[in-house]
Structures are given as structure tokens and as C-alpha cells.
Amino acid sequence: MTQTASIWLVILAALVAANLPFLNERWLLAGPVARGHAKPFWGRLLELFLLYLLVGGLALALEKRAGQIYPQGWEFYAVTGALFLTLAFPGFVYRYLGQRRRTQA
């Protein structure tokens, strides 16, 4: 796999993974469906963080396959975390802002 293909794979994986917590009611896409209640917001944030780590692991594996891994400081993780949250915005809008609330009778 070329370096360009690896970069696009990580970006696509990050886009999909960032939106998954907001688009389904399953825990980590494989757990049981939350019956009767929607997943709480803190659960979605925890799932978002775990998926961020998973995508980071994929990126690290692709970087190791391409050559030597460059050590990163806290700035790298702050920027990639902010980018991951930005990529999660469409899912957040769909879940919390885009759907009309049902009126209670």
C-alpha cells in the first residue's frame, strides 16, 4: 500500500469511526442494543474516545509498516483529538440537532 493510500485510509476510518457512536444504539457497534433507553451522552463520548484510540492504533500500525515511527508530543494528540471531534460533527447534528423532538401528549 502506498503512503498516500495509507493516509486516505486513516482519514476515511476516522470519519466513519467518529460518527458511529451517534448513528447507532449498540455499544461499540457489537454490544447489546440499549432497550427502552437511548445511550447516554457520556456513553457516546466514551465510545468516541475508544474509537479515537482504535483509529490511532491503525495509523500507528500503518506508520510502522511504512518505516520508523516518529515520536509525538502532546500537541499532536491535541490536534488529532480536535480533528476527530470535528469529524464527529455530522453525527452529532444528526442525533441531537437534526431530528425533531417528539411532542409529549
PDB file of N, CA and C in Angstrom:
ATOM      1  N   MET A   1       0.852  -1.168   0.000  1.00  0.00           N
ATOM      2  CA  MET A   1       0.000   0.000   0.000  1.00  0.00           C
ATOM      3  C   MET A   1       0.900   1.233   0.000  1.00  0.00           C
ATOM      4  N   THR A   2       0.559   2.179  -0.843  1.00  0.00           N
ATOM      5  CA  THR A   2       1.360   3.393  -0.915  1.00  0.00           C
ATOM      6  C   THR A   2       1.087   4.277   0.295  1.00  0.00           C
ATOM      7  N   GLN A   3       1.947   5.252   0.488  1.00  0.00           N
ATOM      8  CA  GLN A   3       1.790   6.154   1.622  1.00  0.00           C
ATOM      9  C   GLN A   3       0.529   7.007   1.469  1.00  0.00           C
ATOM     10  N   THR A   4       0.226   7.410   0.260  1.00  0.00           N
ATOM     11  CA  THR A   4      -0.983   8.199   0.011  1.00  0.00           C
ATOM     12  C   THR A   4      -2.235   7.387   0.315  1.00  0.00           C
ATOM     13  N   ALA A   5      -2.243   6.129  -0.082  1.00  0.00           N
ATOM     14  CA  ALA A   5      -3.390   5.266   0.208  1.00  0.00           C
ATOM     15  C   ALA A   5      -3.538   5.052   1.708  1.00  0.00           C
ATOM     16  N   SER A   6      -2.437   4.934   2.428  1.00  0.00           N
ATOM     17  CA  SER A   6      -2.490   4.783   3.885  1.00  0.00           C
ATOM     18  C   SER A   6      -3.100   6.009   4.548  1.00  0.00           C
ATOM     19  N   ILE A   7      -2.706   7.181   4.069  1.00  0.00           N
ATOM     20  CA  ILE A   7      -3.242   8.426   4.634  1.00  0.00           C
ATOM     21  C   ILE A   7      -4.747   8.513   4.407  1.00  0.00           C
ATOM     22  N   TRP A   8      -5.183   8.207   3.183  1.00  0.00           N
ATOM     23  CA  TRP A   8      -6.619   8.271   2.893  1.00  0.00           C
ATOM     24  C   TRP A   8      -7.393   7.209   3.670  1.00  0.00           C
ATOM     25  N   LEU A   9      -6.783   6.065   3.896  1.00  0.00           N
ATOM     26  CA  LEU A   9      -7.434   5.023   4.689  1.00  0.00           C
ATOM     27  C   LEU A   9      -7.653   5.491   6.126  1.00  0.00           C
ATOM     28  N   VAL A  10      -6.662   6.141   6.705  1.00  0.00           N
ATOM     29  CA  VAL A  10      -6.792   6.648   8.077  1.00  0.00           C
ATOM     30  C   VAL A  10      -7.850   7.752   8.145  1.00  0.00           C
ATOM     31  N   ILE A  11      -7.866   8.641   7.157  1.00  0.00           N
ATOM     32  CA  ILE A  11      -8.862   9.716   7.155  1.00  0.00           C
ATOM     33  C   ILE A  11     -10.272   9.153   7.014  1.00  0.00           C
ATOM     34  N   LEU A  12     -10.457   8.194   6.132  1.00  0.00           N
ATOM     35  CA  LEU A  12     -11.769   7.573   5.958  1.00  0.00           C
ATOM     36  C   LEU A  12     -12.188   6.803   7.211  1.00  0.00           C
ATOM     37  N   ALA A  13     -11.261   6.067   7.798  1.00  0.00           N
ATOM     38  CA  ALA A  13     -11.561   5.333   9.041  1.00  0.00           C
ATOM     39  C   ALA A  13     -11.930   6.296  10.162  1.00  0.00           C
ATOM     40  N   ALA A  14     -11.240   7.425  10.244  1.00  0.00           N
ATOM     41  CA  ALA A  14     -11.555   8.418  11.275  1.00  0.00           C
ATOM     42  C   ALA A  14     -12.932   9.027  11.048  1.00  0.00           C
ATOM     43  N   LEU A  15     -13.281   9.299   9.809  1.00  0.00           N
ATOM     44  CA  LEU A  15     -14.597   9.871   9.506  1.00  0.00           C
ATOM     45  C   LEU A  15     -15.718   8.908   9.884  1.00  0.00           C
ATOM     46  N   VAL A  16     -15.558   7.658   9.536  1.00  0.00           N
ATOM     47  CA  VAL A  16     -16.580   6.657   9.861  1.00  0.00           C
ATOM     48  C   VAL A  16     -16.643   6.422  11.367  1.00  0.00           C
ATOM     49  N   ALA A  17     -15.486   6.234  11.992  1.00  0.00           N
ATOM     50  CA  ALA A  17     -15.449   5.932  13.427  1.00  0.00           C
ATOM     51  C   ALA A  17     -15.959   7.098  14.270  1.00  0.00           C
ATOM     52  N   ALA A  18     -15.714   8.323  13.844  1.00  0.00           N
ATOM     53  CA  ALA A  18     -16.159   9.476  14.621  1.00  0.00           C
ATOM     54  C   ALA A  18     -17.682   9.602  14.631  1.00  0.00           C
ATOM     55  N   ASN A  19     -18.335   9.116  13.600  1.00  0.00           N
ATOM     56  CA  ASN A  19     -19.790   9.245  13.517  1.00  0.00           C
ATOM     57  C   ASN A  19     -20.541   8.025  14.045  1.00  0.00           C
ATOM     58  N   LEU A  20     -19.871   6.901  14.201  1.00  0.00           N
ATOM     59  CA  LEU A  20     -20.546   5.679  14.649  1.00  0.00           C
ATOM     60  C   LEU A  20     -21.268   5.802  15.991  1.00  0.00           C
ATOM     61  N   PRO A  21     -20.688   6.426  17.010  1.00  0.00           N
ATOM     62  CA  PRO A  21     -21.417   6.489  18.286  1.00  0.00           C
ATOM     63  C   PRO A  21     -22.752   7.215  18.202  1.00  0.00           C
ATOM     64  N   PHE A  22     -22.882   8.119  17.244  1.00  0.00           N
ATOM     65  CA  PHE A  22     -24.110   8.908  17.137  1.00  0.00           C
ATOM     66  C   PHE A  22     -25.136   8.288  16.193  1.00  0.00           C
ATOM     67  N   LEU A  23     -24.733   7.304  15.416  1.00  0.00           N
ATOM     68  CA  LEU A  23     -25.639   6.751  14.413  1.00  0.00           C
ATOM     69  C   LEU A  23     -26.264   5.420  14.808  1.00  0.00           C
ATOM     70  N   ASN A  24     -25.879   4.848  15.941  1.00  0.00           N
ATOM     71  CA  ASN A  24     -26.475   3.576  16.357  1.00  0.00           C
ATOM     72  C   ASN A  24     -26.654   3.540  17.859  1.00  0.00           C
ATOM     73  N   GLU A  25     -27.446   2.597  18.320  1.00  0.00           N
ATOM     74  CA  GLU A  25     -27.711   2.445  19.747  1.00  0.00           C
ATOM     75  C   GLU A  25     -26.953   1.267  20.360  1.00  0.00           C
ATOM     76  N   ARG A  26     -26.144   0.588  19.584  1.00  0.00           N
ATOM     77  CA  ARG A  26     -25.349  -0.521  20.112  1.00  0.00           C
ATOM     78  C   ARG A  26     -24.100   0.016  20.781  1.00  0.00           C
ATOM     79  N   TRP A  27     -23.639  -0.696  21.796  1.00  0.00           N
ATOM     80  CA  TRP A  27     -22.403  -0.324  22.475  1.00  0.00           C
ATOM     81  C   TRP A  27     -21.227  -0.859  21.674  1.00  0.00           C
ATOM     82  N   LEU A  28     -20.363   0.023  21.220  1.00  0.00           N
ATOM     83  CA  LEU A  28     -19.181  -0.301  20.423  1.00  0.00           C
ATOM     84  C   LEU A  28     -19.530  -1.127  19.185  1.00  0.00           C
ATOM     85  N   LEU A  29     -20.669  -0.898  18.633  1.00  0.00           N
ATOM     86  CA  LEU A  29     -21.154  -1.498  17.394  1.00  0.00           C
ATOM     87  C   LEU A  29     -21.400  -2.994  17.492  1.00  0.00           C
ATOM     88  N   ALA A  30     -21.052  -3.630  18.607  1.00  0.00           N
ATOM     89  CA  ALA A  30     -21.236  -5.071  18.724  1.00  0.00           C
ATOM     90  C   ALA A  30     -22.016  -5.460  19.975  1.00  0.00           C
ATOM     91  N   GLY A  31     -22.105  -4.560  20.920  1.00  0.00           N
ATOM     92  CA  GLY A  31     -22.778  -4.871  22.177  1.00  0.00           C
ATOM     93  C   GLY A  31     -24.281  -4.898  22.019  1.00  0.00           C
ATOM     94  N   PRO A  32     -24.978  -5.164  23.118  1.00  0.00           N
ATOM     95  CA  PRO A  32     -26.443  -5.235  23.042  1.00  0.00           C
ATOM     96  C   PRO A  32     -27.066  -3.862  22.798  1.00  0.00           C
ATOM     97  N   VAL A  33     -28.227  -3.898  22.210  1.00  0.00           N
ATOM     98  CA  VAL A  33     -28.975  -2.671  21.955  1.00  0.00           C
ATOM     99  C   VAL A  33     -29.518  -2.161  23.283  1.00  0.00           C
ATOM    100  N   ALA A  34     -29.418  -0.872  23.493  1.00  0.00           N
ATOM    101  CA  ALA A  34     -29.963  -0.262  24.701  1.00  0.00           C
ATOM    102  C   ALA A  34     -31.485  -0.227  24.566  1.00  0.00           C
ATOM    103  N   ARG A  35     -32.156  -1.144  25.214  1.00  0.00           N
ATOM    104  CA  ARG A  35     -33.616  -1.241  25.080  1.00  0.00           C
ATOM    105  C   ARG A  35     -34.317  -0.255  26.019  1.00  0.00           C
ATOM    106  N   GLY A  36     -35.296   0.407  25.466  1.00  0.00           N
ATOM    107  CA  GLY A  36     -36.097   1.317  26.261  1.00  0.00           C
ATOM    108  C   GLY A  36     -35.453   2.679  26.460  1.00  0.00           C
ATOM    109  N   HIS A  37     -34.164   2.734  26.475  1.00  0.00           N
ATOM    110  CA  HIS A  37     -33.465   3.999  26.679  1.00  0.00           C
ATOM    111  C   HIS A  37     -32.406   4.168  25.599  1.00  0.00           C
ATOM    112  N   ALA A  38     -32.182   5.391  25.255  1.00  0.00           N
ATOM    113  CA  ALA A  38     -31.092   5.681  24.318  1.00  0.00           C
ATOM    114  C   ALA A  38     -29.777   5.668  25.096  1.00  0.00           C
ATOM    115  N   LYS A  39     -28.697   5.481  24.393  1.00  0.00           N
ATOM    116  CA  LYS A  39     -27.391   5.552  25.045  1.00  0.00           C
ATOM    117  C   LYS A  39     -27.217   6.941  25.634  1.00  0.00           C
ATOM    118  N   PRO A  40     -26.694   7.036  26.841  1.00  0.00           N
ATOM    119  CA  PRO A  40     -26.482   8.376  27.404  1.00  0.00           C
ATOM    120  C   PRO A  40     -25.352   9.098  26.669  1.00  0.00           C
ATOM    121  N   PHE A  41     -25.353  10.407  26.800  1.00  0.00           N
ATOM    122  CA  PHE A  41     -24.343  11.217  26.106  1.00  0.00           C
ATOM    123  C   PHE A  41     -22.937  10.855  26.563  1.00  0.00           C
ATOM    124  N   TRP A  42     -22.756  10.612  27.870  1.00  0.00           N
ATOM    125  CA  TRP A  42     -21.421  10.256  28.364  1.00  0.00           C
ATOM    126  C   TRP A  42     -20.973   8.926  27.762  1.00  0.00           C
ATOM    127  N   GLY A  43     -21.903   8.029  27.491  1.00  0.00           N
ATOM    128  CA  GLY A  43     -21.568   6.754  26.859  1.00  0.00           C
ATOM    129  C   GLY A  43     -21.107   6.957  25.426  1.00  0.00           C
ATOM    130  N   ARG A  44     -21.750   7.884  24.742  1.00  0.00           N
ATOM    131  CA  ARG A  44     -21.338   8.200  23.368  1.00  0.00           C
ATOM    132  C   ARG A  44     -19.944   8.834  23.358  1.00  0.00           C
ATOM    133  N   LEU A  45     -19.659   9.701  24.338  1.00  0.00           N
ATOM    134  CA  LEU A  45     -18.333  10.313  24.409  1.00  0.00           C
ATOM    135  C   LEU A  45     -17.256   9.279  24.735  1.00  0.00           C
ATOM    136  N   LEU A  46     -17.560   8.352  25.625  1.00  0.00           N
ATOM    137  CA  LEU A  46     -16.608   7.285  25.944  1.00  0.00           C
ATOM    138  C   LEU A  46     -16.348   6.414  24.721  1.00  0.00           C
ATOM    139  N   GLU A  47     -17.407   6.090  24.022  1.00  0.00           N
ATOM    140  CA  GLU A  47     -17.272   5.297  22.795  1.00  0.00           C
ATOM    141  C   GLU A  47     -16.468   6.067  21.742  1.00  0.00           C
ATOM    142  N   LEU A  48     -16.683   7.373  21.654  1.00  0.00           N
ATOM    143  CA  LEU A  48     -15.927   8.209  20.728  1.00  0.00           C
ATOM    144  C   LEU A  48     -14.442   8.178  21.064  1.00  0.00           C
ATOM    145  N   PHE A  49     -14.107   8.250  22.357  1.00  0.00           N
ATOM    146  CA  PHE A  49     -12.708   8.199  22.783  1.00  0.00           C
ATOM    147  C   PHE A  49     -12.078   6.848  22.464  1.00  0.00           C
ATOM    148  N   LEU A  50     -12.808   5.769  22.696  1.00  0.00           N
ATOM    149  CA  LEU A  50     -12.268   4.442  22.386  1.00  0.00           C
ATOM    150  C   LEU A  50     -12.053   4.257  20.883  1.00  0.00           C
ATOM    151  N   LEU A  51     -12.953   4.778  20.081  1.00  0.00           N
ATOM    152  CA  LEU A  51     -12.775   4.695  18.635  1.00  0.00           C
ATOM    153  C   LEU A  51     -11.625   5.586  18.164  1.00  0.00           C
ATOM    154  N   TYR A  52     -11.395   6.708  18.853  1.00  0.00           N
ATOM    155  CA  TYR A  52     -10.230   7.545  18.556  1.00  0.00           C
ATOM    156  C   TYR A  52      -8.948   6.757  18.792  1.00  0.00           C
ATOM    157  N   LEU A  53      -8.885   6.023  19.896  1.00  0.00           N
ATOM    158  CA  LEU A  53      -7.717   5.191  20.176  1.00  0.00           C
ATOM    159  C   LEU A  53      -7.559   4.087  19.141  1.00  0.00           C
ATOM    160  N   LEU A  54      -8.654   3.503  18.696  1.00  0.00           N
ATOM    161  CA  LEU A  54      -8.605   2.446  17.690  1.00  0.00           C
ATOM    162  C   LEU A  54      -8.075   2.973  16.351  1.00  0.00           C
ATOM    163  N   VAL A  55      -8.562   4.128  15.927  1.00  0.00           N
ATOM    164  CA  VAL A  55      -8.073   4.728  14.680  1.00  0.00           C
ATOM    165  C   VAL A  55      -6.608   5.133  14.836  1.00  0.00           C
ATOM    166  N   GLY A  56      -6.236   5.619  16.012  1.00  0.00           N
ATOM    167  CA  GLY A  56      -4.837   5.942  16.270  1.00  0.00           C
ATOM    168  C   GLY A  56      -3.952   4.708  16.188  1.00  0.00           C
ATOM    169  N   GLY A  57      -4.454   3.579  16.678  1.00  0.00           N
ATOM    170  CA  GLY A  57      -3.703   2.323  16.558  1.00  0.00           C
ATOM    171  C   GLY A  57      -3.536   1.896  15.113  1.00  0.00           C
ATOM    172  N   LEU A  58      -4.584   2.080  14.321  1.00  0.00           N
ATOM    173  CA  LEU A  58      -4.482   1.782  12.890  1.00  0.00           C
ATOM    174  C   LEU A  58      -3.438   2.669  12.234  1.00  0.00           C
ATOM    175  N   ALA A  59      -3.438   3.957  12.549  1.00  0.00           N
ATOM    176  CA  ALA A  59      -2.469   4.886  11.977  1.00  0.00           C
ATOM    177  C   ALA A  59      -1.050   4.528  12.411  1.00  0.00           C
ATOM    178  N   LEU A  60      -0.901   4.148  13.660  1.00  0.00           N
ATOM    179  CA  LEU A  60       0.420   3.747  14.162  1.00  0.00           C
ATOM    180  C   LEU A  60       0.928   2.497  13.456  1.00  0.00           C
ATOM    181  N   ALA A  61       0.036   1.534  13.235  1.00  0.00           N
ATOM    182  CA  ALA A  61       0.434   0.310  12.527  1.00  0.00           C
ATOM    183  C   ALA A  61       0.828   0.607  11.092  1.00  0.00           C
ATOM    184  N   LEU A  62       0.096   1.477  10.423  1.00  0.00           N
ATOM    185  CA  LEU A  62       0.448   1.837   9.044  1.00  0.00           C
ATOM    186  C   LEU A  62       1.753   2.618   8.989  1.00  0.00           C
ATOM    187  N   GLU A  63       1.989   3.471   9.999  1.00  0.00           N
ATOM    188  CA  GLU A  63       3.249   4.216  10.039  1.00  0.00           C
ATOM    189  C   GLU A  63       4.428   3.287  10.291  1.00  0.00           C
ATOM    190  N   LYS A  64       4.254   2.308  11.169  1.00  0.00           N
ATOM    191  CA  LYS A  64       5.324   1.345  11.435  1.00  0.00           C
ATOM    192  C   LYS A  64       5.614   0.511  10.196  1.00  0.00           C
ATOM    193  N   ARG A  65       4.581   0.179   9.450  1.00  0.00           N
ATOM    194  CA  ARG A  65       4.757  -0.608   8.226  1.00  0.00           C
ATOM    195  C   ARG A  65       5.510   0.191   7.166  1.00  0.00           C
ATOM    196  N   ALA A  66       5.318   1.522   7.174  1.00  0.00           N
ATOM    197  CA  ALA A  66       5.976   2.369   6.186  1.00  0.00           C
ATOM    198  C   ALA A  66       7.425   2.688   6.555  1.00  0.00           C
ATOM    199  N   GLY A  67       7.769   2.575   7.818  1.00  0.00           N
ATOM    200  CA  GLY A  67       9.126   2.914   8.238  1.00  0.00           C
ATOM    201  C   GLY A  67       9.186   3.157   9.729  1.00  0.00           C
ATOM    202  N   GLN A  68      10.093   4.014  10.142  1.00  0.00           N
ATOM    203  CA  GLN A  68      10.284   4.296  11.560  1.00  0.00           C
ATOM    204  C   GLN A  68       9.165   5.191  12.090  1.00  0.00           C
ATOM    205  N   ILE A  69       8.731   4.907  13.313  1.00  0.00           N
ATOM    206  CA  ILE A  69       7.675   5.698  13.942  1.00  0.00           C
ATOM    207  C   ILE A  69       8.296   6.953  14.550  1.00  0.00           C
ATOM    208  N   TYR A  70       7.733   8.091  14.218  1.00  0.00           N
ATOM    209  CA  TYR A  70       8.230   9.355  14.742  1.00  0.00           C
ATOM    210  C   TYR A  70       7.561   9.621  16.090  1.00  0.00           C
ATOM    211  N   PRO A  71       8.324   9.939  17.143  1.00  0.00           N
ATOM    212  CA  PRO A  71       7.721  10.211  18.458  1.00  0.00           C
ATOM    213  C   PRO A  71       6.899  11.509  18.427  1.00  0.00           C
ATOM    214  N   GLN A  72       5.755  11.488  19.102  1.00  0.00           N
ATOM    215  CA  GLN A  72       4.849  12.629  19.102  1.00  0.00           C
ATOM    216  C   GLN A  72       4.731  13.218  20.496  1.00  0.00           C
ATOM    217  N   GLY A  73       4.507  14.502  20.558  1.00  0.00           N
ATOM    218  CA  GLY A  73       4.270  15.196  21.820  1.00  0.00           C
ATOM    219  C   GLY A  73       2.781  15.396  22.047  1.00  0.00           C
ATOM    220  N   TRP A  74       2.458  16.105  23.115  1.00  0.00           N
ATOM    221  CA  TRP A  74       1.057  16.303  23.469  1.00  0.00           C
ATOM    222  C   TRP A  74       0.323  17.123  22.418  1.00  0.00           C
ATOM    223  N   GLU A  75       1.044  17.976  21.702  1.00  0.00           N
ATOM    224  CA  GLU A  75       0.411  18.821  20.692  1.00  0.00           C
ATOM    225  C   GLU A  75      -0.229  17.987  19.584  1.00  0.00           C
ATOM    226  N   PHE A  76       0.447  16.907  19.201  1.00  0.00           N
ATOM    227  CA  PHE A  76      -0.075  16.020  18.163  1.00  0.00           C
ATOM    228  C   PHE A  76      -1.411  15.431  18.589  1.00  0.00           C
ATOM    229  N   TYR A  77      -1.494  14.965  19.825  1.00  0.00           N
ATOM    230  CA  TYR A  77      -2.730  14.335  20.303  1.00  0.00           C
ATOM    231  C   TYR A  77      -3.842  15.366  20.506  1.00  0.00           C
ATOM    232  N   ALA A  78      -3.480  16.594  20.873  1.00  0.00           N
ATOM    233  CA  ALA A  78      -4.483  17.655  20.991  1.00  0.00           C
ATOM    234  C   ALA A  78      -5.084  17.989  19.629  1.00  0.00           C
ATOM    235  N   VAL A  79      -4.238  18.077  18.622  1.00  0.00           N
ATOM    236  CA  VAL A  79      -4.714  18.414  17.279  1.00  0.00           C
ATOM    237  C   VAL A  79      -5.531  17.270  16.686  1.00  0.00           C
ATOM    238  N   THR A  80      -5.050  16.027  16.814  1.00  0.00           N
ATOM    239  CA  THR A  80      -5.803  14.907  16.248  1.00  0.00           C
ATOM    240  C   THR A  80      -7.112  14.678  17.001  1.00  0.00           C
ATOM    241  N   GLY A  81      -7.114  14.936  18.297  1.00  0.00           N
ATOM    242  CA  GLY A  81      -8.366  14.832  19.053  1.00  0.00           C
ATOM    243  C   GLY A  81      -9.380  15.870  18.602  1.00  0.00           C
ATOM    244  N   ALA A  82      -8.907  17.095  18.385  1.00  0.00           N
ATOM    245  CA  ALA A  82      -9.801  18.150  17.890  1.00  0.00           C
ATOM    246  C   ALA A  82     -10.302  17.825  16.483  1.00  0.00           C
ATOM    247  N   LEU A  83      -9.435  17.269  15.649  1.00  0.00           N
ATOM    248  CA  LEU A  83      -9.849  16.861  14.307  1.00  0.00           C
ATOM    249  C   LEU A  83     -10.885  15.749  14.371  1.00  0.00           C
ATOM    250  N   PHE A  84     -10.694  14.793  15.280  1.00  0.00           N
ATOM    251  CA  PHE A  84     -11.649  13.692  15.430  1.00  0.00           C
ATOM    252  C   PHE A  84     -13.006  14.222  15.887  1.00  0.00           C
ATOM    253  N   LEU A  85     -13.008  15.181  16.814  1.00  0.00           N
ATOM    254  CA  LEU A  85     -14.273  15.787  17.248  1.00  0.00           C
ATOM    255  C   LEU A  85     -14.932  16.562  16.110  1.00  0.00           C
ATOM    256  N   THR A  86     -14.135  17.215  15.282  1.00  0.00           N
ATOM    257  CA  THR A  86     -14.678  17.926  14.131  1.00  0.00           C
ATOM    258  C   THR A  86     -15.315  16.954  13.140  1.00  0.00           C
ATOM    259  N   LEU A  87     -14.662  15.821  12.929  1.00  0.00           N
ATOM    260  CA  LEU A  87     -15.228  14.814  12.025  1.00  0.00           C
ATOM    261  C   LEU A  87     -16.508  14.199  12.594  1.00  0.00           C
ATOM    262  N   ALA A  88     -16.690  14.249  13.911  1.00  0.00           N
ATOM    263  CA  ALA A  88     -17.890  13.700  14.537  1.00  0.00           C
ATOM    264  C   ALA A  88     -19.080  14.653  14.467  1.00  0.00           C
ATOM    265  N   PHE A  89     -18.875  15.858  14.002  1.00  0.00           N
ATOM    266  CA  PHE A  89     -19.945  16.848  13.994  1.00  0.00           C
ATOM    267  C   PHE A  89     -21.175  16.439  13.188  1.00  0.00           C
ATOM    268  N   PRO A  90     -21.041  15.839  11.992  1.00  0.00           N
ATOM    269  CA  PRO A  90     -22.263  15.439  11.267  1.00  0.00           C
ATOM    270  C   PRO A  90     -23.118  14.434  12.050  1.00  0.00           C
ATOM    271  N   GLY A  91     -22.504  13.475  12.709  1.00  0.00           N
ATOM    272  CA  GLY A  91     -23.253  12.511  13.510  1.00  0.00           C
ATOM    273  C   GLY A  91     -23.922  13.166  14.700  1.00  0.00           C
ATOM    274  N   PHE A  92     -23.228  14.113  15.340  1.00  0.00           N
ATOM    275  CA  PHE A  92     -23.797  14.847  16.469  1.00  0.00           C
ATOM    276  C   PHE A  92     -25.007  15.655  16.031  1.00  0.00           C
ATOM    277  N   VAL A  93     -24.890  16.320  14.893  1.00  0.00           N
ATOM    278  CA  VAL A  93     -26.007  17.116  14.373  1.00  0.00           C
ATOM    279  C   VAL A  93     -27.184  16.212  14.054  1.00  0.00           C
ATOM    280  N   TYR A  94     -26.920  15.077  13.450  1.00  0.00           N
ATOM    281  CA  TYR A  94     -28.000  14.151  13.121  1.00  0.00           C
ATOM    282  C   TYR A  94     -28.708  13.671  14.391  1.00  0.00           C
ATOM    283  N   ARG A  95     -27.951  13.300  15.415  1.00  0.00           N
ATOM    284  CA  ARG A  95     -28.529  12.737  16.630  1.00  0.00           C
ATOM    285  C   ARG A  95     -29.246  13.781  17.481  1.00  0.00           C
ATOM    286  N   TYR A  96     -28.629  14.921  17.701  1.00  0.00           N
ATOM    287  CA  TYR A  96     -29.154  15.859  18.686  1.00  0.00           C
ATOM    288  C   TYR A  96     -29.798  17.117  18.103  1.00  0.00           C
ATOM    289  N   LEU A  97     -29.401  17.531  16.931  1.00  0.00           N
ATOM    290  CA  LEU A  97     -29.936  18.770  16.390  1.00  0.00           C
ATOM    291  C   LEU A  97     -30.833  18.568  15.167  1.00  0.00           C
ATOM    292  N   GLY A  98     -30.599  17.504  14.419  1.00  0.00           N
ATOM    293  CA  GLY A  98     -31.317  17.317  13.172  1.00  0.00           C
ATOM    294  C   GLY A  98     -32.669  16.652  13.310  1.00  0.00           C
ATOM    295  N   GLN A  99     -32.838  15.794  14.287  1.00  0.00           N
ATOM    296  CA  GLN A  99     -34.101  15.097  14.440  1.00  0.00           C
ATOM    297  C   GLN A  99     -35.074  15.957  15.226  1.00  0.00           C
ATOM    298  N   ARG A 100     -36.295  15.944  14.793  1.00  0.00           N
ATOM    299  CA  ARG A 100     -37.309  16.690  15.536  1.00  0.00           C
ATOM    300  C   ARG A 100     -37.693  15.923  16.781  1.00  0.00           C
ATOM    301  N   ARG A 101     -37.844  16.631  17.845  1.00  0.00           N
ATOM    302  CA  ARG A 101     -38.256  16.025  19.116  1.00  0.00           C
ATOM    303  C   ARG A 101     -39.731  15.662  19.043  1.00  0.00           C
ATOM    304  N   ARG A 102     -40.049  14.498  19.577  1.00  0.00           N
ATOM    305  CA  ARG A 102     -41.463  14.104  19.648  1.00  0.00           C
ATOM    306  C   ARG A 102     -42.135  14.932  20.737  1.00  0.00           C
ATOM    307  N   THR A 103     -43.298  15.407  20.435  1.00  0.00           N
ATOM    308  CA  THR A 103     -44.025  16.181  21.435  1.00  0.00           C
ATOM    309  C   THR A 103     -44.721  15.231  22.384  1.00  0.00           C
ATOM    310  N   GLN A 104     -44.666  15.570  23.641  1.00  0.00           N
ATOM    311  CA  GLN A 104     -45.319  14.748  24.654  1.00  0.00           C
ATOM    312  C   GLN A 104     -46.780  15.147  24.749  1.00  0.00           C
ATOM    313  N   ALA A 105     -47.649  14.167  24.765  1.00  0.00           N
ATOM    314  CA  ALA A 105     -49.085  14.427  24.812  1.00  0.00           C
ATOM    315  C   ALA A 105     -49.569  14.592  26.231  1.00  0.00           C
TER     316      ALA A 105
END
